Amino acid sequence: MRKAWRVLIGGALIFTTLGVIVSGQGNRGDGVSGRPKAQVDERHRPIREHGFGVEVLAGESARAKYPARGRVYVEAVEGEEYVLRLYNPSPVRVAVALSVDGLNTIDARRTTARDASKWVIPPYGSINVTGWQMSSTRARRFYFTNERDSYANKLGRASDLGVITAVFYRERREHAEIVQPPRPLESQTRDNERSETQRSKQQRGDAPPAATANKGSASGRVIAPEADDEYAATGIGRSVTNDVWRVQMDLESQPAATVTIRYEFRDALVRLGVLPRSYPQPDPLRRRERARGFEDGSFSPEP
C-alpha cells in the first residue's frame, strides 16, 4: 500500500515531512511562461527541464540566465529582494521540493528531496515563492546578501550557499482530496526561531560557539568554512503574509525534473568566466586587435 503524502495548500502550498505546502500566490497560466505572448530575450526565459521551470524574479523582471561550466548562473545584486516562480507544464498537480542555500524553503530543514516538505503547483500553472515560510500565515522575504548575513549562516548550516534547487514530483491521481487544515505550522516556526535566537546568543558571546564542539581531529567532524562577505547568499528578510494549509496527494516515486541554479555577485561571475570582464577605456588590447598592415594615403618615415 502506498503512503499518502500530506500536503499544505494556500497562500502558498506546503508539504510537511510526508506532505506538501503550496503557495496561494499560484496562477493558472499557459504552462509555459504565464506572460503575454511577446518577444522575450532567451536569457530571460525560465530555466527548464522537461518543461518544468524555475525563474528568479527581481522587481517585475526575470534575472538573465547564463549557461556556463555545465551549470546555469544568474547575477545576484546585494540587498535586492527576489522571488522564485515555479512552472508546471503538465495536466496534473505537481509537488516541488525547493531549497535555497541547501535549506528547505518551507521548514529550513536539510533532507532528501523525497522526504522534504514541498510546494504544490496546479495543472498548467505557476506559483511565486517569495521567501522562507515561517508559519501557516507568515513568510520572510528572500534577498541577496553576503555569506555572513545569510539565513543559512545564522542557523549554522552555511555549507551549500549560492545554489537554488527545485525537484518536481507529479501527482499519481488526476485529482487529490483536499483536507481541512490540521495542526498549523507554528511548532515548526518555533523551532526555526529558537535556532535563530540560539545563533544570536552565540554571536553575542552568551553561549559557546557551535564550532567548539567540532574542534579536534579525533572526532572526525568537519568544521564548516568561515562565511565570506565577498560571495552571494540569501538572507531572511521582512515578514509578509502567506497563508498555507494541507491537502492529500499521492506522488510518483521518481522526480519528473530537477532544476538547479547557481547565483553569484557580478565580480564572482566575471572571475568564473561566466560574464566578460569589463576593461577601462581606452583598452590597449582592443586597440591592438584593430591594427592593420597597410593604410591608404601618404606616409612619412620621419617621426
Protein backbone atom coordinates (compact mmCIF):
# COMPACT_ATOMS: atom_id res chain seq x y z
CA MET A 1 0.00 0.00 0.00
CA ARG A 2 1.37 3.42 -0.95
CA LYS A 3 1.76 6.13 1.66
CA ALA A 4 -0.41 9.22 1.24
CA TRP A 5 1.55 12.45 1.21
CA ARG A 6 0.22 15.17 3.44
CA VAL A 7 0.13 18.43 1.57
CA LEU A 8 -0.25 22.03 2.61
CA ILE A 9 -2.07 24.33 0.20
CA GLY A 10 -2.86 28.00 0.48
CA GLY A 11 -1.46 31.48 0.02
CA ALA A 12 1.44 29.17 -0.56
CA LEU A 13 1.15 25.38 -0.79
CA ILE A 14 3.40 23.36 1.52
CA PHE A 15 4.40 19.75 2.20
CA THR A 16 5.30 18.65 5.68
CA THR A 17 7.70 15.71 6.07
CA LEU A 18 5.48 13.40 4.03
CA GLY A 19 3.38 16.23 2.77
CA VAL A 20 3.27 19.35 0.66
CA ILE A 21 2.84 23.14 1.09
CA VAL A 22 1.51 25.22 -1.79
CA SER A 23 1.56 28.95 -2.35
CA GLY A 24 -1.76 30.68 -2.67
CA GLN A 25 0.01 33.07 -4.98
CA GLY A 26 -0.37 30.43 -7.67
CA ASN A 27 -1.54 31.26 -11.16
CA ARG A 28 -3.38 29.35 -13.84
CA GLY A 29 -1.16 30.14 -16.77
CA ASP A 30 -0.29 28.88 -20.19
CA GLY A 31 2.04 26.32 -18.66
CA VAL A 32 4.96 27.91 -20.39
CA SER A 33 5.65 31.41 -19.23
CA GLY A 34 2.49 32.92 -17.74
CA ARG A 35 3.34 36.07 -19.72
CA PRO A 36 1.69 37.71 -22.72
CA LYS A 37 2.98 36.27 -25.96
CA ALA A 38 5.67 38.76 -26.80
CA GLN A 39 9.23 38.60 -27.98
CA VAL A 40 11.33 37.68 -24.93
CA ASP A 41 15.11 37.53 -24.78
CA GLU A 42 16.02 33.84 -24.43
CA ARG A 43 18.23 34.70 -21.46
CA HIS A 44 15.15 35.89 -19.56
CA ARG A 45 13.06 32.77 -20.10
CA PRO A 46 12.57 30.28 -17.22
CA ILE A 47 15.27 27.69 -16.65
CA ARG A 48 13.62 24.40 -17.62
CA GLU A 49 13.99 20.65 -17.56
CA HIS A 50 11.35 18.53 -19.35
CA GLY A 51 9.13 21.64 -19.42
CA PHE A 52 9.20 22.21 -15.64
CA GLY A 53 10.68 25.61 -14.94
CA VAL A 54 12.15 27.98 -12.36
CA GLU A 55 12.55 31.73 -12.77
CA VAL A 56 14.36 34.20 -10.49
CA LEU A 57 12.41 37.48 -10.40
CA ALA A 58 13.76 40.74 -9.02
CA GLY A 59 11.21 43.53 -9.09
CA GLU A 60 8.96 42.78 -12.06
CA SER A 61 11.65 41.33 -14.29
CA ALA A 62 13.36 37.95 -14.57
CA ARG A 63 17.08 37.78 -13.91
CA ALA A 64 19.02 36.87 -17.04
CA LYS A 65 20.37 33.31 -17.10
CA TYR A 66 23.92 32.46 -18.18
CA PRO A 67 24.66 28.82 -19.08
CA ALA A 68 28.35 28.12 -18.35
CA ARG A 69 30.65 25.50 -16.84
CA GLY A 70 27.88 22.87 -17.07
CA ARG A 71 25.51 24.98 -14.93
CA VAL A 72 23.09 27.87 -15.23
CA TYR A 73 24.01 31.09 -13.40
CA VAL A 74 22.11 34.26 -12.51
CA GLU A 75 23.52 37.50 -11.19
CA ALA A 76 22.78 38.46 -7.58
CA VAL A 77 22.58 42.14 -6.58
CA GLU A 78 23.33 42.69 -2.90
CA GLY A 79 20.33 43.89 -0.89
CA GLU A 80 17.81 43.10 -3.65
CA GLU A 81 14.69 41.10 -2.77
CA TYR A 82 13.80 38.28 -5.13
CA VAL A 83 11.02 35.79 -5.89
CA LEU A 84 11.19 32.23 -7.21
CA ARG A 85 8.49 31.44 -9.79
CA LEU A 86 7.85 27.72 -10.38
CA TYR A 87 6.14 26.41 -13.54
CA ASN A 88 4.13 23.24 -14.08
CA PRO A 89 3.52 22.37 -17.77
CA SER A 90 1.63 19.13 -17.04
CA PRO A 91 -2.13 18.35 -16.77
CA VAL A 92 -1.77 17.15 -13.16
CA ARG A 93 -0.67 18.87 -9.99
CA VAL A 94 3.00 18.66 -9.06
CA ALA A 95 4.76 18.98 -5.72
CA VAL A 96 8.12 20.75 -5.64
CA ALA A 97 10.89 20.33 -3.09
CA LEU A 98 12.53 23.78 -3.18
CA SER A 99 15.77 24.58 -1.41
CA VAL A 100 17.84 27.77 -1.23
CA ASP A 101 21.41 27.59 0.10
CA GLY A 102 20.76 23.94 0.98
CA LEU A 103 17.77 24.78 3.24
CA ASN A 104 14.17 23.78 2.53
CA THR A 105 12.24 27.00 1.87
CA ILE A 106 9.34 25.69 3.97
CA ASP A 107 10.92 24.48 7.21
CA ALA A 108 14.68 25.23 6.79
CA ARG A 109 15.48 21.54 7.20
CA ARG A 110 18.09 19.56 5.30
CA THR A 111 16.59 16.32 3.97
CA THR A 112 16.39 14.35 0.76
CA ALA A 113 14.12 15.83 -1.91
CA ARG A 114 11.76 12.86 -1.50
CA ASP A 115 11.32 13.45 2.24
CA ALA A 116 11.23 17.25 2.03
CA SER A 117 8.22 19.46 2.62
CA LYS A 118 7.02 20.62 -0.78
CA TRP A 119 5.14 23.32 -2.64
CA VAL A 120 2.19 22.36 -4.87
CA ILE A 121 1.51 23.83 -8.33
CA PRO A 122 -1.87 23.45 -10.11
CA PRO A 123 -2.06 21.87 -13.59
CA TYR A 124 -0.64 24.14 -16.31
CA GLY A 125 0.01 26.75 -13.64
CA SER A 126 2.70 28.57 -11.73
CA ILE A 127 3.29 29.85 -8.21
CA ASN A 128 5.50 32.53 -6.68
CA VAL A 129 7.58 31.66 -3.61
CA THR A 130 8.55 34.97 -2.05
CA GLY A 131 10.50 33.81 0.98
CA TRP A 132 11.10 31.40 3.83
CA GLN A 133 7.81 30.03 5.21
CA MET A 134 7.86 30.67 8.97
CA SER A 135 4.33 29.59 9.96
CA SER A 136 0.93 28.79 8.47
CA THR A 137 0.34 32.52 7.87
CA ARG A 138 3.74 34.19 7.59
CA ALA A 139 6.88 34.16 5.46
CA ARG A 140 10.17 36.11 5.50
CA ARG A 141 11.34 37.56 2.18
CA PHE A 142 14.31 36.26 0.20
CA TYR A 143 17.00 38.85 -0.51
CA PHE A 144 20.53 38.64 -1.87
CA THR A 145 23.19 39.28 0.72
CA ASN A 146 26.66 38.07 1.65
CA GLU A 147 27.53 34.76 3.30
CA ARG A 148 27.92 36.22 6.80
CA ASP A 149 24.42 37.74 6.75
CA SER A 150 22.74 34.67 5.20
CA TYR A 151 19.92 32.73 6.86
CA ALA A 152 21.91 29.51 6.48
CA ASN A 153 24.89 31.03 8.30
CA LYS A 154 22.63 32.26 11.13
CA LEU A 155 21.40 28.66 11.51
CA GLY A 156 24.97 27.34 11.44
CA ARG A 157 24.44 25.46 8.16
CA ALA A 158 26.44 27.53 5.67
CA SER A 159 27.83 24.66 3.61
CA ASP A 160 25.74 24.93 0.40
CA LEU A 161 25.48 28.64 -0.25
CA GLY A 162 24.76 30.14 -3.67
CA VAL A 163 22.52 27.39 -5.03
CA ILE A 164 18.76 27.10 -5.69
CA THR A 165 17.34 23.62 -6.38
CA ALA A 166 13.79 22.62 -7.34
CA VAL A 167 12.81 18.92 -7.60
CA PHE A 168 9.41 18.31 -9.23
CA TYR A 169 7.16 15.29 -8.46
CA ARG A 170 3.96 14.56 -10.40
CA GLU A 171 0.75 13.57 -8.64
CA ARG A 172 -0.33 9.97 -9.37
CA ARG A 173 -4.04 10.75 -9.43
CA GLU A 174 -5.56 13.47 -11.54
CA HIS A 175 -7.49 14.87 -8.60
CA ALA A 176 -6.30 14.77 -5.00
CA GLU A 177 -8.56 15.05 -1.99
CA ILE A 178 -8.38 18.38 -0.19
CA VAL A 179 -8.23 18.09 3.58
CA GLN A 180 -9.18 20.79 6.08
CA PRO A 181 -6.20 22.41 7.78
CA PRO A 182 -4.83 20.22 10.57
CA ARG A 183 -2.37 21.46 13.19
CA PRO A 184 -0.79 24.71 11.88
CA LEU A 185 2.93 25.09 11.32
CA GLU A 186 3.55 27.15 14.43
CA SER A 187 5.59 24.36 16.07
CA GLN A 188 7.89 24.37 13.04
CA THR A 189 8.10 28.16 13.33
CA ARG A 190 9.09 27.96 17.00
CA ASP A 191 11.86 25.52 16.10
CA ASN A 192 13.18 27.87 13.41
CA GLU A 193 13.02 30.93 15.62
CA ARG A 194 14.65 29.07 18.54
CA SER A 195 17.53 28.26 16.19
CA GLU A 196 17.80 31.92 15.23
CA THR A 197 17.76 33.01 18.89
CA GLN A 198 20.41 30.46 19.85
CA ARG A 199 22.61 31.61 16.97
CA SER A 200 22.23 35.25 18.02
CA LYS A 201 23.24 34.40 21.59
CA GLN A 202 26.30 32.58 20.35
CA GLN A 203 27.32 35.58 18.27
CA ARG A 204 26.92 37.86 21.34
CA GLY A 205 29.05 35.53 23.43
CA ASP A 206 26.17 34.37 25.66
CA ALA A 207 26.89 30.74 24.78
CA PRO A 208 29.93 28.84 23.50
CA PRO A 209 30.10 28.81 19.69
CA ALA A 210 28.78 25.72 17.98
CA ALA A 211 32.14 25.23 16.26
CA THR A 212 33.69 24.43 19.66
CA ALA A 213 32.02 21.03 19.58
CA ASN A 214 33.72 20.30 16.28
CA LYS A 215 37.27 21.02 17.38
CA GLY A 216 39.76 18.22 17.44
CA SER A 217 40.60 15.89 14.62
CA ALA A 218 39.89 12.81 16.75
CA SER A 219 36.15 13.42 16.44
CA GLY A 220 36.37 13.13 12.67
CA ARG A 221 33.97 16.06 12.28
CA VAL A 222 34.46 18.70 9.63
CA ILE A 223 34.30 22.38 10.62
CA ALA A 224 32.30 24.43 8.12
CA PRO A 225 34.27 27.05 6.20
CA GLU A 226 34.12 30.59 7.54
CA ALA A 227 31.47 32.77 5.88
CA ASP A 228 32.75 35.42 3.49
CA ASP A 229 31.46 38.92 2.65
CA GLU A 230 32.61 38.64 -0.96
CA TYR A 231 30.16 35.97 -2.12
CA ALA A 232 26.38 35.86 -2.53
CA ALA A 233 23.87 34.08 -0.31
CA THR A 234 20.23 34.56 0.71
CA GLY A 235 19.10 36.44 3.80
CA ILE A 236 15.94 36.19 5.90
CA GLY A 237 14.14 39.46 5.28
CA ARG A 238 10.98 41.32 6.16
CA SER A 239 7.84 39.48 7.28
CA VAL A 240 4.97 39.10 4.79
CA THR A 241 1.58 37.37 4.93
CA ASN A 242 1.48 33.96 3.23
CA ASP A 243 -1.32 31.58 4.28
CA VAL A 244 -0.89 27.83 3.84
CA TRP A 245 -2.84 24.65 4.59
CA ARG A 246 -2.62 20.89 3.97
CA VAL A 247 -4.09 18.63 1.31
CA GLN A 248 -3.75 14.95 0.44
CA MET A 249 -1.62 13.96 -2.54
CA ASP A 250 -0.20 10.71 -3.86
CA LEU A 251 3.08 11.36 -5.68
CA GLU A 252 5.09 9.38 -8.17
CA SER A 253 8.16 7.78 -6.60
CA GLN A 254 10.66 9.34 -9.03
CA PRO A 255 11.02 13.06 -9.74
CA ALA A 256 9.85 14.37 -13.11
CA ALA A 257 12.57 17.04 -13.25
CA THR A 258 15.31 18.74 -11.26
CA VAL A 259 16.32 22.35 -11.89
CA THR A 260 19.44 23.82 -10.27
CA ILE A 261 20.50 27.48 -10.42
CA ARG A 262 23.78 28.98 -9.22
CA TYR A 263 23.82 32.65 -8.26
CA GLU A 264 26.77 34.96 -7.60
CA PHE A 265 27.63 38.64 -7.45
CA ARG A 266 28.91 40.12 -10.72
CA ASP A 267 32.58 40.12 -9.67
CA ALA A 268 32.42 36.39 -8.94
CA LEU A 269 30.67 35.69 -12.26
CA VAL A 270 33.48 37.56 -14.03
CA ARG A 271 36.15 35.57 -12.18
CA LEU A 272 34.38 32.34 -13.10
CA GLY A 273 34.36 33.37 -16.75
CA VAL A 274 30.55 33.42 -16.86
CA LEU A 275 30.43 37.17 -17.65
CA PRO A 276 33.02 39.05 -19.73
CA ARG A 277 35.49 41.25 -17.91
CA SER A 278 34.92 44.96 -18.49
CA TYR A 279 38.03 46.94 -19.39
CA PRO A 280 38.65 50.65 -18.81
CA GLN A 281 38.71 52.85 -21.93
CA PRO A 282 40.87 53.02 -23.88
CA ASP A 283 41.56 49.30 -23.89
CA PRO A 284 45.11 48.67 -25.26
CA LEU A 285 44.33 45.08 -26.25
CA ARG A 286 41.28 46.11 -28.26
CA ARG A 287 43.36 48.80 -29.97
CA ARG A 288 45.90 46.17 -30.91
CA GLU A 289 43.16 43.88 -32.23
CA ARG A 290 42.12 46.66 -34.65
CA ALA A 291 45.68 47.02 -36.02
CA ARG A 292 46.14 46.60 -39.80
CA GLY A 293 49.14 46.11 -42.08
CA PHE A 294 48.60 48.88 -44.69
CA GLU A 295 46.57 52.04 -44.98
CA ASP A 296 45.78 54.29 -47.92
CA GLY A 297 47.37 57.73 -48.04
CA SER A 298 50.79 59.25 -47.72
CA PHE A 299 53.25 58.30 -45.03
CA SER A 300 56.43 60.00 -43.91
CA PRO A 301 59.22 57.90 -42.35
CA GLU A 302 60.22 60.85 -40.17
CA PRO A 303 58.68 60.85 -36.66
